[in-house]
N, C-alpha and C. Protein backbone atom coordinates (compact mmCIF):
# COMPACT_ATOMS: atom_id res chain seq x y z
N UNK A 1 82.39 90.63 98.15
CA UNK A 1 82.31 91.88 98.89
C UNK A 1 83.56 92.03 99.74
N UNK A 2 84.12 93.19 99.76
CA UNK A 2 85.37 93.44 100.46
C UNK A 2 85.11 94.05 101.83
N UNK A 3 86.03 93.79 102.76
CA UNK A 3 85.98 94.41 104.08
C UNK A 3 87.36 94.99 104.37
N UNK A 4 87.40 96.03 105.17
CA UNK A 4 88.68 96.66 105.52
C UNK A 4 89.59 95.64 106.18
N UNK A 5 90.88 95.71 105.85
CA UNK A 5 91.89 94.82 106.44
C UNK A 5 92.97 95.68 107.07
N UNK A 6 93.48 95.24 108.21
CA UNK A 6 94.61 95.90 108.83
C UNK A 6 95.86 95.14 108.45
N UNK A 7 96.81 95.85 107.84
CA UNK A 7 98.07 95.26 107.41
C UNK A 7 99.21 95.92 108.16
N UNK A 8 100.39 95.32 108.14
CA UNK A 8 101.57 95.86 108.80
C UNK A 8 102.59 96.24 107.74
N UNK A 9 103.08 97.46 107.81
CA UNK A 9 104.07 97.97 106.85
C UNK A 9 105.38 97.22 107.03
N UNK A 10 105.95 96.76 105.91
CA UNK A 10 107.19 96.00 106.02
C UNK A 10 108.41 96.90 106.25
N UNK A 11 108.26 98.21 106.05
CA UNK A 11 109.38 99.12 106.29
C UNK A 11 109.39 99.67 107.72
N UNK A 12 108.27 100.26 108.15
CA UNK A 12 108.24 100.92 109.46
C UNK A 12 107.57 100.08 110.55
N UNK A 13 106.83 99.04 110.16
CA UNK A 13 106.19 98.17 111.15
C UNK A 13 104.87 98.68 111.69
N UNK A 14 104.41 99.85 111.22
CA UNK A 14 103.13 100.39 111.69
C UNK A 14 101.98 99.69 110.99
N UNK A 15 100.85 99.62 111.68
CA UNK A 15 99.65 99.07 111.07
C UNK A 15 98.99 100.13 110.20
N UNK A 16 98.40 99.70 109.09
CA UNK A 16 97.62 100.60 108.23
C UNK A 16 96.43 99.83 107.69
N UNK A 17 95.40 100.56 107.29
CA UNK A 17 94.16 99.93 106.83
C UNK A 17 94.14 99.87 105.31
N UNK A 18 93.90 98.69 104.78
CA UNK A 18 93.69 98.45 103.35
C UNK A 18 92.17 98.42 103.20
N UNK A 19 91.60 99.56 102.80
CA UNK A 19 90.14 99.71 102.81
C UNK A 19 89.46 98.84 101.76
N UNK A 20 88.17 98.64 101.95
CA UNK A 20 87.37 97.88 101.00
C UNK A 20 87.41 98.55 99.62
N UNK A 21 87.37 99.87 99.61
CA UNK A 21 87.44 100.60 98.34
C UNK A 21 88.77 100.40 97.64
N UNK A 22 89.87 100.40 98.41
CA UNK A 22 91.18 100.17 97.82
C UNK A 22 91.28 98.74 97.28
N UNK A 23 90.71 97.79 98.01
CA UNK A 23 90.73 96.40 97.56
C UNK A 23 89.96 96.25 96.25
N UNK A 24 88.83 96.93 96.16
CA UNK A 24 88.04 96.88 94.93
C UNK A 24 88.83 97.50 93.76
N UNK A 25 89.50 98.61 94.02
CA UNK A 25 90.33 99.27 93.02
C UNK A 25 91.42 98.32 92.54
N UNK A 26 92.11 97.65 93.48
CA UNK A 26 93.17 96.70 93.13
C UNK A 26 92.61 95.58 92.26
N UNK A 27 91.44 95.06 92.63
CA UNK A 27 90.83 93.95 91.88
C UNK A 27 90.46 94.40 90.46
N UNK A 28 89.91 95.60 90.32
CA UNK A 28 89.53 96.12 89.01
C UNK A 28 90.75 96.28 88.10
N UNK A 29 91.88 96.62 88.67
CA UNK A 29 93.11 96.82 87.89
C UNK A 29 93.88 95.52 87.68
N UNK A 30 93.43 94.43 88.32
CA UNK A 30 94.08 93.14 88.15
C UNK A 30 95.29 92.94 89.05
N UNK A 31 95.45 93.80 90.05
CA UNK A 31 96.56 93.64 90.99
C UNK A 31 96.27 92.46 91.90
N UNK A 32 97.21 91.55 92.05
CA UNK A 32 96.99 90.35 92.84
C UNK A 32 97.55 90.45 94.25
N UNK A 33 98.55 91.30 94.47
CA UNK A 33 99.19 91.41 95.78
C UNK A 33 98.66 92.60 96.56
N UNK A 34 98.55 92.41 97.87
CA UNK A 34 98.15 93.51 98.74
C UNK A 34 99.33 94.46 98.92
N UNK A 35 99.08 95.72 99.27
CA UNK A 35 100.20 96.63 99.51
C UNK A 35 101.02 96.15 100.71
N UNK A 36 102.32 96.38 100.66
CA UNK A 36 103.20 95.95 101.74
C UNK A 36 103.70 97.12 102.57
N UNK A 37 103.46 98.34 102.08
CA UNK A 37 103.94 99.52 102.78
C UNK A 37 102.79 100.48 103.04
N UNK A 38 102.90 101.22 104.14
CA UNK A 38 101.90 102.25 104.46
C UNK A 38 102.05 103.41 103.47
N UNK A 39 101.10 104.30 103.48
CA UNK A 39 101.10 105.43 102.55
C UNK A 39 102.38 106.26 102.67
N UNK A 40 102.83 106.53 103.89
CA UNK A 40 104.03 107.35 104.10
C UNK A 40 105.27 106.67 103.54
N UNK A 41 105.43 105.37 103.78
CA UNK A 41 106.60 104.65 103.28
C UNK A 41 106.56 104.50 101.76
N UNK A 42 105.37 104.33 101.18
CA UNK A 42 105.26 104.27 99.71
C UNK A 42 105.69 105.61 99.12
N UNK A 43 105.22 106.71 99.73
CA UNK A 43 105.57 108.03 99.23
C UNK A 43 107.07 108.28 99.38
N UNK A 44 107.66 107.85 100.49
CA UNK A 44 109.10 108.05 100.71
C UNK A 44 109.91 107.30 99.66
N UNK A 45 109.47 106.09 99.29
CA UNK A 45 110.17 105.31 98.27
C UNK A 45 110.09 105.99 96.91
N UNK A 46 108.99 106.70 96.66
CA UNK A 46 108.81 107.38 95.38
C UNK A 46 109.47 108.76 95.39
N UNK A 47 109.89 109.23 96.57
CA UNK A 47 110.49 110.56 96.67
C UNK A 47 109.47 111.67 96.67
N UNK A 48 108.26 111.35 97.08
CA UNK A 48 107.17 112.33 97.11
C UNK A 48 106.83 112.62 98.57
N UNK A 49 106.51 113.86 98.87
CA UNK A 49 106.10 114.20 100.23
C UNK A 49 104.76 113.54 100.53
N UNK A 50 104.68 112.84 101.65
CA UNK A 50 103.45 112.15 102.03
C UNK A 50 102.46 113.12 102.64
N UNK A 51 101.18 112.85 102.40
CA UNK A 51 100.15 113.62 103.07
C UNK A 51 100.16 113.26 104.55
N UNK A 52 99.80 114.17 105.41
CA UNK A 52 99.71 113.80 106.82
C UNK A 52 98.61 112.75 107.02
N UNK A 53 98.83 111.86 107.96
CA UNK A 53 97.84 110.81 108.23
C UNK A 53 96.56 111.45 108.74
N UNK A 54 95.44 110.94 108.27
CA UNK A 54 94.14 111.41 108.74
C UNK A 54 93.84 110.81 110.09
N UNK A 55 93.18 111.57 110.90
CA UNK A 55 92.67 111.03 112.15
C UNK A 55 91.37 110.32 111.83
N UNK A 56 91.28 109.06 112.22
CA UNK A 56 90.08 108.26 111.95
C UNK A 56 89.34 108.06 113.27
N UNK A 57 88.03 108.07 113.21
CA UNK A 57 87.18 107.93 114.38
C UNK A 57 86.36 106.65 114.28
N UNK A 58 86.19 105.98 115.41
CA UNK A 58 85.37 104.77 115.46
C UNK A 58 83.90 105.15 115.37
N UNK A 59 83.15 104.34 114.64
CA UNK A 59 81.71 104.56 114.49
C UNK A 59 81.04 103.22 114.25
N UNK A 60 79.72 103.24 114.25
CA UNK A 60 78.92 102.05 113.95
C UNK A 60 78.02 102.40 112.77
N UNK A 61 78.02 101.55 111.76
CA UNK A 61 77.22 101.78 110.56
C UNK A 61 75.74 101.83 110.92
N UNK A 62 75.06 102.86 110.45
CA UNK A 62 73.63 103.03 110.73
C UNK A 62 72.77 102.02 109.98
N UNK A 63 73.31 101.44 108.91
CA UNK A 63 72.52 100.51 108.11
C UNK A 63 72.71 99.05 108.54
N UNK A 64 73.98 98.59 108.62
CA UNK A 64 74.21 97.17 108.92
C UNK A 64 74.70 96.93 110.34
N UNK A 65 75.06 97.97 111.07
CA UNK A 65 75.50 97.82 112.46
C UNK A 65 76.95 97.41 112.63
N UNK A 66 77.71 97.35 111.54
CA UNK A 66 79.11 96.94 111.61
C UNK A 66 79.97 98.09 112.15
N UNK A 67 81.01 97.76 112.92
CA UNK A 67 81.94 98.82 113.35
C UNK A 67 82.74 99.30 112.15
N UNK A 68 83.03 100.58 112.11
CA UNK A 68 83.80 101.15 111.00
C UNK A 68 84.58 102.35 111.49
N UNK A 69 85.43 102.87 110.64
CA UNK A 69 86.19 104.08 110.95
C UNK A 69 85.85 105.13 109.90
N UNK A 70 85.72 106.36 110.35
CA UNK A 70 85.38 107.46 109.45
C UNK A 70 86.37 108.61 109.66
N UNK A 71 86.61 109.43 108.63
CA UNK A 71 87.59 110.50 108.73
C UNK A 71 87.04 111.80 109.34
N UNK A 72 85.94 111.71 110.06
CA UNK A 72 85.36 112.87 110.73
C UNK A 72 84.78 112.41 112.06
N UNK A 73 84.63 113.33 112.98
CA UNK A 73 84.09 112.97 114.28
C UNK A 73 82.56 112.95 114.18
N UNK A 74 81.96 111.77 114.37
CA UNK A 74 80.49 111.67 114.27
C UNK A 74 79.82 112.53 115.34
N UNK A 75 78.80 113.27 114.91
CA UNK A 75 78.09 114.14 115.85
C UNK A 75 76.81 113.50 116.36
N UNK A 76 76.37 112.42 115.71
CA UNK A 76 75.17 111.73 116.17
C UNK A 76 73.89 112.23 115.53
N UNK A 77 73.94 113.35 114.80
CA UNK A 77 72.71 113.88 114.21
C UNK A 77 72.49 113.40 112.78
N UNK A 78 73.46 112.69 112.19
CA UNK A 78 73.31 112.16 110.83
C UNK A 78 73.77 110.70 110.82
N UNK A 79 73.25 109.91 109.89
CA UNK A 79 73.65 108.49 109.83
C UNK A 79 75.09 108.34 109.36
N UNK A 80 75.73 107.28 109.84
CA UNK A 80 77.09 106.91 109.44
C UNK A 80 77.00 105.59 108.69
N UNK A 81 77.73 105.46 107.58
CA UNK A 81 77.72 104.22 106.80
C UNK A 81 79.13 103.67 106.66
N UNK A 82 79.24 102.34 106.73
CA UNK A 82 80.52 101.69 106.47
C UNK A 82 80.80 101.80 104.97
N UNK A 83 81.99 101.40 104.54
CA UNK A 83 82.37 101.51 103.13
C UNK A 83 81.40 100.79 102.21
N UNK A 84 81.01 99.59 102.60
CA UNK A 84 80.13 98.78 101.74
C UNK A 84 78.74 99.42 101.63
N UNK A 85 78.16 99.80 102.75
CA UNK A 85 76.81 100.39 102.72
C UNK A 85 76.83 101.74 102.01
N UNK A 86 77.89 102.51 102.19
CA UNK A 86 78.00 103.79 101.51
C UNK A 86 78.05 103.57 100.00
N UNK A 87 78.85 102.60 99.57
CA UNK A 87 78.94 102.31 98.13
C UNK A 87 77.60 101.84 97.58
N UNK A 88 76.89 101.00 98.35
CA UNK A 88 75.58 100.52 97.90
C UNK A 88 74.56 101.65 97.78
N UNK A 89 74.64 102.62 98.66
CA UNK A 89 73.71 103.75 98.62
C UNK A 89 74.00 104.66 97.43
N UNK A 90 75.25 104.72 96.99
CA UNK A 90 75.63 105.58 95.86
C UNK A 90 75.15 105.02 94.53
N UNK A 91 74.92 103.70 94.48
CA UNK A 91 74.50 103.06 93.21
C UNK A 91 73.07 103.33 92.91
């Protein structure tokens, strides 16, 4: 089971999150190395305009109680799930 990891970009030095979903994707494709650059630096190397960074909000998973980050501001009226619990619920 994968958990989100915080990595440091080797080009700009900023921290970025290597999500559990991205880790699973890498494993399925047989990639052995973690990314070394943030999304913006990867896009700059490819000559592609990078998407603006998403604002992430801190939350607590309603199912397992783990801290997580979500791309929307939680309102408190609906449950929030971490990457792992969300994936388990989709199956």
